[in-house]
Amino acid sequence: MKKDRFLYASILIIVGISAYSNSFNCSFHFDDIPNIVSNQAIRDLFNWKAWIFFNSNRPAGFFTFALNYHFSHLNVFGYHVFNLGIHILNAFLVWELVRLLFRSPKLKEHPLSASAGQLAFFTALLFVVHPLMTESVTYIVQRLVSLASMFCLLSMVLFMQGMLRETKVLRLACYAGSIVAALLGFLTKETAFSLPFLMIMIYLFFFSDRKSFSRISSLALIIILLSVFSFVALMAFNTGKYFSVIPPREGHPYSITPLHYYYTQINVLVTYLRLILLPVNQTLDYNYAMATSMAGLHILLNLACLLLLLSLSIWLFKRDRLVSFGILWFFICIAPQALVPRSNFIFEHRAYLSSTGIILDWILFIYYVFGRINPVNRSRYVPGTGFLSLAACLLLIQCFAFAWMTHKRNIVWRSEYSLWSDCLQKAPGSARAMVNLGSEQISRQEYPMALNNFDKAISISPLYLQAWHNRAAIKVSLGDNKKAIEDLNFVILHDPAFIDSYIIRGIAFRNLKKYDESIHDFTEALSISSERPDAYFQRGLSLWMEGRNEDALKDILRAASMKDQDAISFLQRNLR
């Protein structure tokens, strides 16, 4: 048995690393920029107040970014190794979770109990190589999702270990560890708030026939503590602020009401299920259409599908609790994402932990079919191992196919250009994909193509301020400063705190030799954030060109002290 587990563990690690072997040089993307690349709060690991209060809801997650920066600065290799390590550890925790479920009182007589080791292994293997997980592993900032999932899985594993221990000291130690892991999960990402419900479900499904009062009392105490902590945390984090109308932004040209968000989630949940079972045509930005009512055959069919799945879970509760558990696991884990309205309807990383339940059910289905097992009445028609071996072979083939798909998917994450080109190819109407691809085209000096993308994005979403700002930046580069200022006036009118637009407009004014207006814009930018070295340098440059050299040097020296390379180069050229 130990040899089998060592072999399984080796396969899990080797296949997991192989699937992601081409991800270690993938660049920073999208939300990586404000959270890691330009985040001054993670620059000093020992300045704990900075990374704790940068996002006070997620200090545990940002501690890991500060740790990465401490050792490798902005070298992506270290970040990717850390992310993959978490993912592989999660696979081991999934393996242990399924194994412990089969040791519970309710599953001791399960028709597949003799194959529990294989089932646990294949659940973990399919989890680690599933292409849907790439967004949570290769997209560096989504470590918040995989790390929160790690703490949740660890908490549940320790919780079940405590339920199965006979020694009181070991039982209490497991419970204590479970609580610590849960607290860390809550401090990593808000999605961990589904954990108490998962624990309650585990107890009711698999341990509820325990007679020992001390065990039940310990369980009740843990559930109460976690539930109370979740409630207090939700109140402290002011989650209620999210339940309001979301104005047009990030490329969507319409306001999103909570009701419209919930209508759309009916379709989104079915999309997640499809991606778990058939992960094809994946993309970062699905440009998902908003549903404004329950009318329409498409949404009604999707609603019927979800209700049928939930009804099946309830019906199977006394017939096959493991399958029922897998279905409800999906709905409970995805609930925080589906119930809290946000500006993006769908992201693949939101299905990271919830997919585990469906993966488990899929593997059970394969074993039931090839083992000729009727899960309803537990009759085993062919108890021989030949058919189950055939099921194992089929699952191995699927796992290696998924590993190849994951490896191929990681090619898309290689750079911002490849990522957003892929998005625009799969979602041609995505204004966000147009703007982000256009930003990369600016860096490549492909100005005509970038302008075309920004114009299209603005026509789709007239209040997409980032598109207006980026278009203005190109116009400044091309010398069309007056039209650039018109675009930037529009941005600042609708968002007076858009700091980058003040900086670009200040440059445009300076190009037109309007130094007073230029200096005013840079000063305004610094009033929004005093931690922008580029604003100090640009104001210093305008002061220098106006002949106010003493004031100019103060700003440029300040920028140089903040490691602004343009300021350092200026001083080297002019103060020799």
Protein backbone atom coordinates (compact mmCIF):
# COMPACT_ATOMS: atom_id res chain seq x y z
CA MET A 1 0.00 0.00 0.00
CA LYS A 2 2.82 2.43 0.90
CA LYS A 3 4.57 1.58 -2.38
CA ASP A 4 1.35 2.33 -4.30
CA ARG A 5 0.96 5.67 -2.56
CA PHE A 6 4.58 6.58 -3.28
CA LEU A 7 4.06 5.70 -6.95
CA TYR A 8 0.83 7.71 -7.08
CA ALA A 9 2.50 10.69 -5.41
CA SER A 10 5.42 10.57 -7.83
CA ILE A 11 3.07 10.47 -10.83
CA LEU A 12 1.08 13.39 -9.43
CA ILE A 13 4.16 15.56 -9.00
CA ILE A 14 5.81 14.62 -12.31
CA VAL A 15 2.66 15.07 -14.39
CA GLY A 16 1.76 18.31 -12.61
CA ILE A 17 5.21 19.82 -13.23
CA SER A 18 5.21 18.59 -16.84
CA ALA A 19 1.81 20.15 -17.55
CA TYR A 20 3.05 23.54 -16.31
CA SER A 21 6.68 23.25 -17.39
CA ASN A 22 6.20 25.97 -20.02
CA SER A 23 4.54 28.42 -17.61
CA PHE A 24 7.61 29.52 -15.65
CA ASN A 25 8.50 32.35 -18.03
CA CYS A 26 4.95 33.60 -18.62
CA SER A 27 4.75 37.33 -18.05
CA PHE A 28 2.77 39.37 -15.54
CA HIS A 29 -0.78 40.05 -16.73
CA PHE A 30 -3.73 42.37 -16.18
CA ASP A 31 -4.35 42.59 -12.39
CA ASP A 32 -0.74 41.49 -11.73
CA ILE A 33 0.34 45.04 -12.59
CA PRO A 34 -1.38 47.00 -9.76
CA ASN A 35 -1.15 44.16 -7.25
CA ILE A 36 2.46 43.09 -7.83
CA VAL A 37 4.48 44.95 -10.48
CA SER A 38 3.69 48.52 -9.40
CA ASN A 39 2.66 47.70 -5.83
CA GLN A 40 5.00 49.57 -3.47
CA ALA A 41 3.35 47.88 -0.47
CA ILE A 42 5.08 44.53 -1.15
CA ARG A 43 8.54 46.00 -1.70
CA ASP A 44 9.61 45.56 1.93
CA LEU A 45 8.76 42.22 3.52
CA PHE A 46 9.42 43.60 7.01
CA ASN A 47 7.15 46.62 6.54
CA TRP A 48 4.22 44.45 7.57
CA LYS A 49 1.77 47.37 7.86
CA ALA A 50 2.21 48.12 4.16
CA TRP A 51 1.23 44.70 2.78
CA ILE A 52 -1.41 44.06 5.46
CA PHE A 53 -3.28 47.28 4.81
CA PHE A 54 -2.81 47.34 1.03
CA ASN A 55 -5.81 45.00 0.97
CA SER A 56 -6.90 44.42 4.56
CA ASN A 57 -9.31 41.66 3.46
CA ARG A 58 -6.44 39.55 2.05
CA PRO A 59 -3.26 40.07 4.10
CA ALA A 60 -2.19 36.40 4.03
CA GLY A 61 -2.21 36.38 0.23
CA PHE A 62 -0.28 39.65 -0.09
CA PHE A 63 2.28 38.40 2.43
CA THR A 64 3.21 35.70 -0.12
CA PHE A 65 3.65 38.35 -2.83
CA ALA A 66 5.91 40.32 -0.47
CA LEU A 67 7.82 37.10 0.21
CA ASN A 68 8.27 36.47 -3.52
CA TYR A 69 9.41 40.04 -4.12
CA HIS A 70 11.89 39.81 -1.24
CA PHE A 71 13.67 36.86 -2.85
CA SER A 72 13.19 37.40 -6.59
CA HIS A 73 11.91 40.96 -7.07
CA LEU A 74 10.02 40.92 -10.40
CA ASN A 75 11.55 37.75 -11.82
CA VAL A 76 8.42 35.80 -12.77
CA PHE A 77 10.10 32.40 -12.30
CA GLY A 78 9.85 32.49 -8.50
CA TYR A 79 6.20 33.55 -8.58
CA HIS A 80 5.29 30.72 -10.95
CA VAL A 81 7.16 28.11 -8.91
CA PHE A 82 5.28 29.28 -5.81
CA ASN A 83 1.92 29.12 -7.63
CA LEU A 84 2.57 25.64 -9.00
CA GLY A 85 3.70 24.45 -5.59
CA ILE A 86 0.39 25.56 -4.08
CA HIS A 87 -1.53 23.86 -6.90
CA ILE A 88 0.28 20.54 -6.49
CA LEU A 89 -0.17 20.71 -2.72
CA ASN A 90 -3.89 21.29 -3.31
CA ALA A 91 -3.98 18.14 -5.44
CA PHE A 92 -2.49 16.17 -2.53
CA LEU A 93 -5.09 17.67 -0.20
CA VAL A 94 -7.88 16.68 -2.62
CA TRP A 95 -6.41 13.17 -2.67
CA GLU A 96 -6.41 13.03 1.15
CA LEU A 97 -9.91 14.52 1.35
CA VAL A 98 -11.42 11.81 -0.87
CA ARG A 99 -9.47 9.10 0.93
CA LEU A 100 -10.79 10.29 4.30
CA LEU A 101 -14.35 10.41 2.97
CA PHE A 102 -14.14 6.71 2.22
CA ARG A 103 -12.98 6.10 5.80
CA SER A 104 -16.09 7.83 7.21
CA PRO A 105 -18.88 5.74 8.80
CA LYS A 106 -21.31 6.32 5.94
CA LEU A 107 -18.95 5.11 3.19
CA LYS A 108 -17.41 2.03 4.77
CA GLU A 109 -19.85 -0.19 2.86
CA HIS A 110 -19.65 1.78 -0.38
CA PRO A 111 -19.38 -0.56 -3.42
CA LEU A 112 -16.16 1.20 -4.46
CA SER A 113 -14.55 1.27 -1.02
CA ALA A 114 -11.96 -1.28 -2.17
CA SER A 115 -10.99 1.15 -4.97
CA ALA A 116 -10.92 4.21 -2.70
CA GLY A 117 -7.18 4.70 -3.20
CA GLN A 118 -7.53 4.78 -6.98
CA LEU A 119 -10.56 7.09 -6.86
CA ALA A 120 -8.75 9.53 -4.58
CA PHE A 121 -5.65 9.46 -6.79
CA PHE A 122 -7.54 10.03 -10.04
CA THR A 123 -9.55 12.88 -8.51
CA ALA A 124 -6.27 14.55 -7.52
CA LEU A 125 -4.59 13.81 -10.86
CA LEU A 126 -7.47 15.15 -12.95
CA PHE A 127 -7.59 18.20 -10.67
CA VAL A 128 -3.88 18.98 -11.07
CA VAL A 129 -3.85 18.71 -14.90
CA HIS A 130 -7.27 20.18 -15.67
CA PRO A 131 -6.93 23.06 -18.20
CA LEU A 132 -9.55 25.09 -16.32
CA MET A 133 -7.02 25.54 -13.50
CA THR A 134 -4.50 27.43 -15.66
CA GLU A 135 -6.05 30.79 -14.81
CA SER A 136 -5.55 30.11 -11.10
CA VAL A 137 -1.99 28.83 -11.53
CA THR A 138 -0.36 30.64 -14.48
CA TYR A 139 -2.11 33.97 -13.85
CA ILE A 140 0.06 34.97 -10.90
CA VAL A 141 -2.31 37.20 -8.92
CA GLN A 142 -4.92 34.43 -8.85
CA ARG A 143 -2.70 32.72 -6.32
CA LEU A 144 -5.22 34.33 -3.97
CA VAL A 145 -7.76 31.76 -5.18
CA SER A 146 -5.50 28.71 -5.04
CA LEU A 147 -4.01 29.75 -1.69
CA ALA A 148 -7.45 30.30 -0.12
CA SER A 149 -8.47 26.90 -1.53
CA MET A 150 -5.37 25.34 0.02
CA PHE A 151 -6.29 26.61 3.47
CA CYS A 152 -9.91 25.48 3.03
CA LEU A 153 -8.87 21.99 1.93
CA LEU A 154 -6.35 21.73 4.75
CA SER A 155 -8.98 22.83 7.25
CA MET A 156 -11.41 20.16 6.01
CA VAL A 157 -8.76 17.43 5.98
CA LEU A 158 -7.75 18.24 9.57
CA PHE A 159 -11.40 18.45 10.53
CA MET A 160 -12.05 14.91 9.24
CA GLN A 161 -8.82 13.65 10.75
CA GLY A 162 -10.09 14.92 14.08
CA MET A 163 -13.41 13.14 13.59
CA LEU A 164 -11.63 9.86 12.90
CA ARG A 165 -9.05 10.04 15.70
CA GLU A 166 -9.64 7.98 18.82
CA THR A 167 -7.11 9.79 21.01
CA LYS A 168 -8.51 12.96 22.57
CA VAL A 169 -5.23 14.90 22.39
CA LEU A 170 -4.76 14.14 18.68
CA ARG A 171 -8.41 14.94 18.02
CA LEU A 172 -8.15 18.34 19.67
CA ALA A 173 -4.85 19.04 17.89
CA CYS A 174 -6.52 18.34 14.53
CA TYR A 175 -9.44 20.60 15.41
CA ALA A 176 -7.09 23.38 16.46
CA GLY A 177 -5.15 23.05 13.22
CA SER A 178 -8.42 23.12 11.30
CA ILE A 179 -9.42 26.41 12.92
CA VAL A 180 -6.01 27.99 12.21
CA ALA A 181 -6.17 26.91 8.55
CA ALA A 182 -9.72 28.29 8.29
CA LEU A 183 -8.64 31.66 9.72
CA LEU A 184 -5.80 31.85 7.19
CA GLY A 185 -8.27 31.05 4.42
CA PHE A 186 -10.55 33.89 5.56
CA LEU A 187 -7.53 36.22 5.50
CA THR A 188 -6.57 35.18 1.96
CA LYS A 189 -9.76 35.65 -0.02
CA GLU A 190 -13.44 36.10 0.76
CA THR A 191 -14.38 32.92 -1.14
CA ALA A 192 -13.26 30.97 1.96
CA PHE A 193 -16.52 31.93 3.63
CA SER A 194 -18.13 28.86 2.08
CA LEU A 195 -15.92 26.69 4.33
CA PRO A 196 -18.30 26.42 7.33
CA PHE A 197 -21.07 25.20 5.05
CA LEU A 198 -18.76 22.59 3.51
CA MET A 199 -17.83 21.36 6.98
CA ILE A 200 -21.45 21.11 8.03
CA MET A 201 -22.18 19.18 4.85
CA ILE A 202 -19.27 16.79 5.47
CA TYR A 203 -20.55 16.06 8.96
CA LEU A 204 -24.20 15.60 7.97
CA PHE A 205 -23.37 13.44 4.96
CA PHE A 206 -20.67 11.19 6.38
CA PHE A 207 -20.30 11.45 10.18
CA SER A 208 -23.75 12.16 11.59
CA ASP A 209 -24.24 8.70 13.09
CA ARG A 210 -21.42 9.11 15.62
CA LYS A 211 -22.77 8.48 19.11
CA SER A 212 -19.99 9.96 21.18
CA PHE A 213 -21.20 13.15 22.87
CA SER A 214 -17.67 14.54 23.11
CA ARG A 215 -17.16 14.23 19.35
CA ILE A 216 -20.47 15.89 18.58
CA SER A 217 -19.77 18.65 21.09
CA SER A 218 -16.36 19.32 19.54
CA LEU A 219 -17.89 19.38 16.08
CA ALA A 220 -20.65 21.73 17.14
CA LEU A 221 -18.12 24.08 18.74
CA ILE A 222 -16.01 24.21 15.57
CA ILE A 223 -19.02 24.84 13.34
CA ILE A 224 -20.34 27.57 15.63
CA LEU A 225 -16.94 29.26 15.83
CA LEU A 226 -16.47 29.19 12.07
CA SER A 227 -20.01 30.37 11.36
CA VAL A 228 -19.74 33.25 13.82
CA PHE A 229 -16.32 34.22 12.45
CA SER A 230 -17.69 34.18 8.90
CA PHE A 231 -20.59 36.41 9.88
CA VAL A 232 -18.39 38.88 11.76
CA ALA A 233 -15.85 38.93 8.94
CA LEU A 234 -18.52 39.58 6.33
CA MET A 235 -19.84 42.50 8.37
CA ALA A 236 -16.33 43.85 8.99
CA PHE A 237 -15.46 43.66 5.30
CA ASN A 238 -18.64 45.58 4.46
CA THR A 239 -19.68 43.05 1.84
CA GLY A 240 -23.04 44.79 1.57
CA LYS A 241 -21.44 47.60 -0.44
CA TYR A 242 -21.24 45.20 -3.37
CA PHE A 243 -25.01 44.82 -3.62
CA SER A 244 -25.58 47.98 -5.61
CA VAL A 245 -25.83 48.95 -9.25
CA ILE A 246 -22.48 48.61 -11.02
CA PRO A 247 -21.96 51.47 -13.51
CA PRO A 248 -20.41 50.92 -16.96
CA ARG A 249 -16.69 50.20 -16.68
CA GLU A 250 -13.99 47.79 -17.78
CA GLY A 251 -15.53 47.53 -21.22
CA HIS A 252 -19.17 46.76 -20.50
CA PRO A 253 -21.38 49.56 -21.87
CA TYR A 254 -24.31 49.00 -19.50
CA SER A 255 -25.09 49.23 -15.81
CA ILE A 256 -25.37 45.91 -13.98
CA THR A 257 -28.10 45.56 -11.37
CA PRO A 258 -27.95 42.72 -8.82
CA LEU A 259 -31.03 41.15 -10.43
CA HIS A 260 -29.48 41.18 -13.90
CA TYR A 261 -26.30 39.74 -12.42
CA TYR A 262 -28.24 36.83 -10.91
CA TYR A 263 -30.10 36.18 -14.17
CA THR A 264 -26.76 36.03 -15.98
CA GLN A 265 -25.25 33.70 -13.37
CA ILE A 266 -27.83 31.06 -14.34
CA ASN A 267 -26.11 30.87 -17.73
CA VAL A 268 -22.63 31.27 -16.24
CA LEU A 269 -23.01 28.31 -13.85
CA VAL A 270 -23.89 26.04 -16.76
CA THR A 271 -20.85 27.37 -18.62
CA TYR A 272 -18.66 26.45 -15.64
CA LEU A 273 -20.12 22.93 -15.67
CA ARG A 274 -19.42 22.64 -19.38
CA LEU A 275 -15.84 23.85 -18.92
CA ILE A 276 -15.23 21.32 -16.15
CA LEU A 277 -16.45 18.44 -18.29
CA LEU A 278 -15.26 19.77 -21.66
CA PRO A 279 -12.56 22.47 -21.30
CA VAL A 280 -12.44 23.83 -24.86
CA ASN A 281 -12.42 27.39 -26.24
CA GLN A 282 -11.07 28.78 -22.99
CA THR A 283 -10.34 32.48 -22.76
CA LEU A 284 -9.60 35.09 -20.12
CA ASP A 285 -12.40 37.38 -21.28
CA TYR A 286 -15.59 35.63 -22.38
CA ASN A 287 -17.39 38.93 -23.09
CA TYR A 288 -20.44 37.29 -21.53
CA ALA A 289 -23.81 38.74 -22.54
CA MET A 290 -25.94 40.12 -19.69
CA ALA A 291 -29.36 38.54 -19.18
CA THR A 292 -31.99 41.15 -18.36
CA SER A 293 -34.92 38.81 -17.69
CA MET A 294 -35.92 35.18 -17.32
CA ALA A 295 -37.57 35.22 -20.73
CA GLY A 296 -35.96 33.16 -23.44
CA LEU A 297 -35.48 29.47 -24.12
CA HIS A 298 -31.73 29.55 -23.42
CA ILE A 299 -31.94 30.82 -19.86
CA LEU A 300 -34.95 28.64 -19.05
CA LEU A 301 -33.14 25.52 -20.25
CA ASN A 302 -30.10 26.43 -18.18
CA LEU A 303 -32.26 27.04 -15.12
CA ALA A 304 -33.95 23.68 -15.65
CA CYS A 305 -30.51 22.04 -15.90
CA LEU A 306 -29.37 23.56 -12.59
CA LEU A 307 -32.63 22.68 -10.81
CA LEU A 308 -32.44 19.13 -12.16
CA LEU A 309 -28.89 18.81 -10.87
CA LEU A 310 -29.89 20.09 -7.43
CA SER A 311 -32.93 17.78 -7.36
CA LEU A 312 -30.71 14.85 -8.31
CA SER A 313 -28.38 15.70 -5.43
CA ILE A 314 -31.28 15.70 -2.95
CA TRP A 315 -32.70 12.47 -4.36
CA LEU A 316 -29.31 10.76 -4.15
CA PHE A 317 -28.67 11.79 -0.54
CA LYS A 318 -29.76 8.44 0.93
CA ARG A 319 -28.88 6.42 -2.18
CA ASP A 320 -25.35 7.62 -2.95
CA ARG A 321 -24.15 10.33 -0.63
CA LEU A 322 -20.81 10.70 -2.36
CA VAL A 323 -22.32 11.71 -5.70
CA SER A 324 -24.80 13.96 -3.90
CA PHE A 325 -21.91 15.53 -1.99
CA GLY A 326 -19.98 16.24 -5.20
CA ILE A 327 -22.92 18.12 -6.73
CA LEU A 328 -23.60 20.21 -3.64
CA TRP A 329 -19.87 20.90 -3.25
CA PHE A 330 -19.95 22.62 -6.64
CA PHE A 331 -22.90 24.84 -5.72
CA ILE A 332 -21.62 25.74 -2.24
CA CYS A 333 -18.09 26.61 -3.42
CA ILE A 334 -19.31 28.68 -6.35
CA ALA A 335 -21.95 30.49 -4.25
CA PRO A 336 -19.71 33.38 -3.04
CA GLN A 337 -18.84 34.14 -6.67
CA ALA A 338 -22.41 33.81 -7.92
CA LEU A 339 -24.18 35.68 -5.11
CA VAL A 340 -21.99 38.80 -4.84
CA PRO A 341 -22.53 40.98 -7.94
CA ARG A 342 -19.43 42.29 -9.68
CA SER A 343 -18.56 43.90 -12.99
CA ASN A 344 -17.29 40.65 -14.55
CA PHE A 345 -19.82 37.87 -14.98
CA ILE A 346 -17.35 35.01 -15.45
CA PHE A 347 -13.72 34.18 -14.79
CA GLU A 348 -12.32 30.66 -14.91
CA HIS A 349 -10.47 31.01 -11.60
CA ARG A 350 -13.81 31.26 -9.82
CA ALA A 351 -14.42 27.57 -10.53
CA TYR A 352 -11.07 26.44 -9.09
CA LEU A 353 -12.27 24.78 -5.88
CA SER A 354 -15.87 24.16 -6.95
CA SER A 355 -14.73 22.01 -9.88
CA THR A 356 -13.43 19.37 -7.46
CA GLY A 357 -16.93 18.08 -6.69
CA ILE A 358 -17.79 17.60 -10.37
CA ILE A 359 -14.40 15.97 -11.06
CA LEU A 360 -15.08 13.50 -8.24
CA ASP A 361 -18.54 12.72 -9.61
CA TRP A 362 -17.15 12.23 -13.12
CA ILE A 363 -14.62 9.67 -11.86
CA LEU A 364 -17.35 7.90 -9.85
CA PHE A 365 -19.49 7.79 -12.99
CA ILE A 366 -16.67 6.15 -14.99
CA TYR A 367 -16.11 3.55 -12.28
CA TYR A 368 -19.84 2.87 -11.96
CA VAL A 369 -20.20 2.34 -15.70
CA PHE A 370 -17.16 0.11 -16.14
CA GLY A 371 -17.64 -1.67 -12.82
CA ARG A 372 -21.28 -2.30 -13.69
CA ILE A 373 -22.37 -0.83 -10.38
CA ASN A 374 -25.85 0.50 -9.75
CA PRO A 375 -25.27 3.41 -7.36
CA VAL A 376 -28.93 3.53 -6.35
CA ASN A 377 -29.35 0.05 -4.92
CA ARG A 378 -25.62 -0.68 -4.53
CA SER A 379 -25.85 -3.90 -6.53
CA ARG A 380 -22.57 -5.04 -8.01
CA TYR A 381 -23.15 -7.14 -11.09
CA VAL A 382 -19.51 -7.80 -12.01
CA PRO A 383 -17.25 -7.61 -8.96
CA GLY A 384 -14.08 -8.48 -10.91
CA THR A 385 -11.23 -5.99 -11.23
CA GLY A 386 -10.91 -6.23 -15.01
CA PHE A 387 -13.60 -3.70 -15.74
CA LEU A 388 -12.35 -1.32 -13.03
CA SER A 389 -8.85 -1.57 -14.52
CA LEU A 390 -10.35 -0.53 -17.85
CA ALA A 391 -11.90 2.50 -16.08
CA ALA A 392 -8.51 3.37 -14.62
CA CYS A 393 -6.88 3.16 -18.08
CA LEU A 394 -9.55 5.42 -19.56
CA LEU A 395 -9.03 7.99 -16.81
CA LEU A 396 -5.27 7.88 -17.30
CA ILE A 397 -5.75 8.66 -20.98
CA GLN A 398 -8.06 11.56 -20.10
CA CYS A 399 -5.58 12.90 -17.54
CA PHE A 400 -2.70 12.87 -20.01
CA ALA A 401 -4.93 14.50 -22.65
CA PHE A 402 -5.83 17.24 -20.15
CA ALA A 403 -2.16 17.66 -19.26
CA TRP A 404 -1.40 18.27 -22.95
CA MET A 405 -4.28 20.77 -23.16
CA THR A 406 -2.97 22.58 -20.07
CA HIS A 407 0.52 22.74 -21.57
CA LYS A 408 -0.94 24.15 -24.77
CA ARG A 409 -3.12 26.64 -22.87
CA ASN A 410 -0.05 27.99 -21.07
CA ILE A 411 1.37 29.08 -24.44
CA VAL A 412 -1.43 31.64 -24.59
CA TRP A 413 -0.33 33.04 -21.21
CA ARG A 414 3.24 33.60 -22.49
CA SER A 415 2.80 37.37 -22.92
CA GLU A 416 0.18 40.09 -22.77
CA TYR A 417 0.18 40.21 -26.57
CA SER A 418 -0.54 36.48 -26.98
CA LEU A 419 -3.13 36.52 -24.18
CA TRP A 420 -5.21 39.41 -25.48
CA SER A 421 -4.85 38.34 -29.11
CA ASP A 422 -6.36 35.02 -28.07
CA CYS A 423 -9.15 36.80 -26.20
CA LEU A 424 -10.00 39.00 -29.17
CA GLN A 425 -10.00 36.02 -31.50
CA LYS A 426 -12.46 34.12 -29.29
CA ALA A 427 -14.54 37.14 -28.25
CA PRO A 428 -14.34 39.61 -31.19
CA GLY A 429 -16.72 42.09 -29.52
CA SER A 430 -14.76 42.42 -26.28
CA ALA A 431 -13.88 46.06 -25.67
CA ARG A 432 -11.59 45.08 -22.82
CA ALA A 433 -9.61 42.73 -25.08
CA MET A 434 -9.30 45.53 -27.64
CA VAL A 435 -7.96 47.99 -25.06
CA ASN A 436 -5.48 45.58 -23.52
CA LEU A 437 -4.24 44.38 -26.90
CA GLY A 438 -3.99 48.02 -27.97
CA SER A 439 -1.83 48.76 -24.92
CA GLU A 440 0.60 46.05 -25.99
CA GLN A 441 0.56 47.40 -29.54
CA ILE A 442 1.64 50.78 -28.15
CA SER A 443 4.68 49.17 -26.55
CA ARG A 444 5.49 47.66 -29.95
CA GLN A 445 4.91 51.06 -31.59
CA GLU A 446 2.12 49.58 -33.70
CA TYR A 447 0.20 52.84 -33.40
CA PRO A 448 -2.30 52.52 -36.28
CA MET A 449 -3.49 49.09 -35.08
CA ALA A 450 -3.66 50.32 -31.48
CA LEU A 451 -5.69 53.39 -32.47
CA ASN A 452 -8.06 51.16 -34.41
CA ASN A 453 -8.60 48.97 -31.34
CA PHE A 454 -9.20 51.96 -29.06
CA ASP A 455 -11.67 53.51 -31.53
CA LYS A 456 -13.59 50.23 -31.71
CA ALA A 457 -13.61 49.89 -27.93
CA ILE A 458 -14.99 53.41 -27.50
CA SER A 459 -17.70 52.75 -30.08
CA ILE A 460 -18.76 49.64 -28.11
CA SER A 461 -18.41 51.22 -24.65
CA PRO A 462 -18.43 55.05 -24.83
CA LEU A 463 -17.54 55.38 -21.13
CA TYR A 464 -14.56 53.06 -21.25
CA LEU A 465 -12.16 55.68 -19.88
CA GLN A 466 -9.04 53.56 -20.22
CA ALA A 467 -9.65 53.43 -23.99
CA TRP A 468 -9.93 57.24 -24.13
CA HIS A 469 -6.77 57.61 -22.05
CA ASN A 470 -4.74 55.15 -24.14
CA ARG A 471 -5.89 56.76 -27.37
CA ALA A 472 -4.76 60.13 -26.02
CA ALA A 473 -1.35 58.70 -25.10
CA ILE A 474 -0.84 57.63 -28.71
CA LYS A 475 -1.88 61.06 -29.97
CA VAL A 476 0.72 62.67 -27.71
CA SER A 477 3.37 60.29 -29.08
CA LEU A 478 2.34 61.24 -32.62
CA GLY A 479 2.40 64.98 -31.83
CA ASP A 480 -1.37 65.52 -31.95
CA ASN A 481 -1.42 67.18 -28.53
CA LYS A 482 -4.60 69.24 -28.93
CA LYS A 483 -6.77 66.23 -29.76
CA ALA A 484 -5.07 64.27 -27.01
CA ILE A 485 -6.06 66.99 -24.52
CA GLU A 486 -9.68 66.73 -25.71
CA ASP A 487 -9.71 63.00 -24.97
CA LEU A 488 -8.06 63.50 -21.59
CA ASN A 489 -10.55 66.25 -20.65
CA PHE A 490 -13.30 63.68 -21.23
CA VAL A 491 -11.56 61.16 -18.97
CA ILE A 492 -10.95 63.63 -16.13
CA LEU A 493 -14.52 64.97 -16.38
CA HIS A 494 -15.92 61.49 -15.73
CA ASP A 495 -13.21 60.41 -13.27
CA PRO A 496 -11.41 63.29 -11.52
CA ALA A 497 -9.15 60.75 -9.76
CA PHE A 498 -7.76 59.23 -13.00
CA ILE A 499 -4.18 60.11 -12.09
CA ASP A 500 -2.49 58.85 -15.29
CA SER A 501 -4.63 61.17 -17.41
CA TYR A 502 -3.37 64.21 -15.47
CA ILE A 503 0.21 63.10 -16.16
CA ILE A 504 -0.36 62.56 -19.90
CA ARG A 505 -2.30 65.82 -20.19
CA GLY A 506 0.54 67.61 -18.38
CA ILE A 507 2.97 66.26 -20.98
CA ALA A 508 0.66 67.37 -23.80
CA PHE A 509 0.42 70.91 -22.32
CA ARG A 510 4.23 71.03 -22.02
CA ASN A 511 4.59 70.00 -25.65
CA LEU A 512 2.39 73.00 -26.49
CA LYS A 513 4.64 75.16 -24.24
CA LYS A 514 1.76 75.76 -21.82
CA TYR A 515 3.94 75.29 -18.77
CA ASP A 516 1.56 76.66 -16.14
CA GLU A 517 -1.21 74.22 -17.20
CA SER A 518 1.38 71.44 -17.36
CA ILE A 519 2.70 72.10 -13.84
CA HIS A 520 -0.88 72.35 -12.54
CA ASP A 521 -1.73 68.88 -13.90
CA PHE A 522 1.34 67.25 -12.38
CA THR A 523 0.59 68.94 -9.06
CA GLU A 524 -2.98 67.65 -9.26
CA ALA A 525 -1.69 64.13 -9.90
CA LEU A 526 0.55 64.36 -6.83
CA SER A 527 -2.37 65.55 -4.72
CA ILE A 528 -4.11 62.27 -5.63
CA SER A 529 -1.00 60.20 -4.87
CA SER A 530 2.28 61.50 -3.52
CA GLU A 531 3.96 58.18 -4.33
CA ARG A 532 4.25 58.73 -8.08
CA PRO A 533 7.90 59.39 -8.98
CA ASP A 534 6.95 59.93 -12.65
CA ALA A 535 4.73 62.84 -11.65
CA TYR A 536 7.60 64.45 -9.69
CA PHE A 537 9.97 64.01 -12.62
CA GLN A 538 7.52 65.35 -15.21
CA ARG A 539 6.71 68.39 -13.07
CA GLY A 540 10.43 68.95 -12.54
CA LEU A 541 10.98 68.76 -16.30
CA SER A 542 8.26 71.37 -16.93
CA LEU A 543 9.76 73.64 -14.26
CA TRP A 544 13.22 73.19 -15.84
CA MET A 545 11.91 74.09 -19.30
CA GLU A 546 10.23 77.17 -17.81
CA GLY A 547 13.60 78.22 -16.35
CA ARG A 548 12.78 77.52 -12.68
CA ASN A 549 15.82 75.30 -12.23
CA GLU A 550 16.00 75.33 -8.43
CA ASP A 551 12.39 74.13 -8.04
CA ALA A 552 12.90 71.70 -10.89
CA LEU A 553 15.89 70.05 -9.23
CA LYS A 554 13.93 69.49 -6.01
CA ASP A 555 11.29 67.50 -7.91
CA ILE A 556 13.78 65.61 -10.06
CA LEU A 557 15.92 64.69 -7.05
CA ARG A 558 12.77 63.51 -5.26
CA ALA A 559 11.91 61.31 -8.26
CA ALA A 560 15.47 59.95 -8.41
CA SER A 561 15.31 59.07 -4.70
CA MET A 562 12.22 57.00 -5.58
CA LYS A 563 14.27 55.09 -8.21
CA ASP A 564 12.72 56.78 -11.26
CA GLN A 565 15.13 55.89 -14.08
CA ASP A 566 14.20 58.91 -16.24
CA ALA A 567 15.06 61.23 -13.34
CA ILE A 568 18.34 59.43 -12.71
CA SER A 569 19.30 59.67 -16.39
CA PHE A 570 18.40 63.38 -16.46
CA LEU A 571 20.64 64.10 -13.49
CA GLN A 572 23.51 62.13 -15.01
CA ARG A 573 23.25 64.13 -18.24
CA ASN A 574 22.79 67.59 -16.75
CA LEU A 575 24.71 67.58 -13.47
CA ARG A 576 28.10 66.19 -14.46
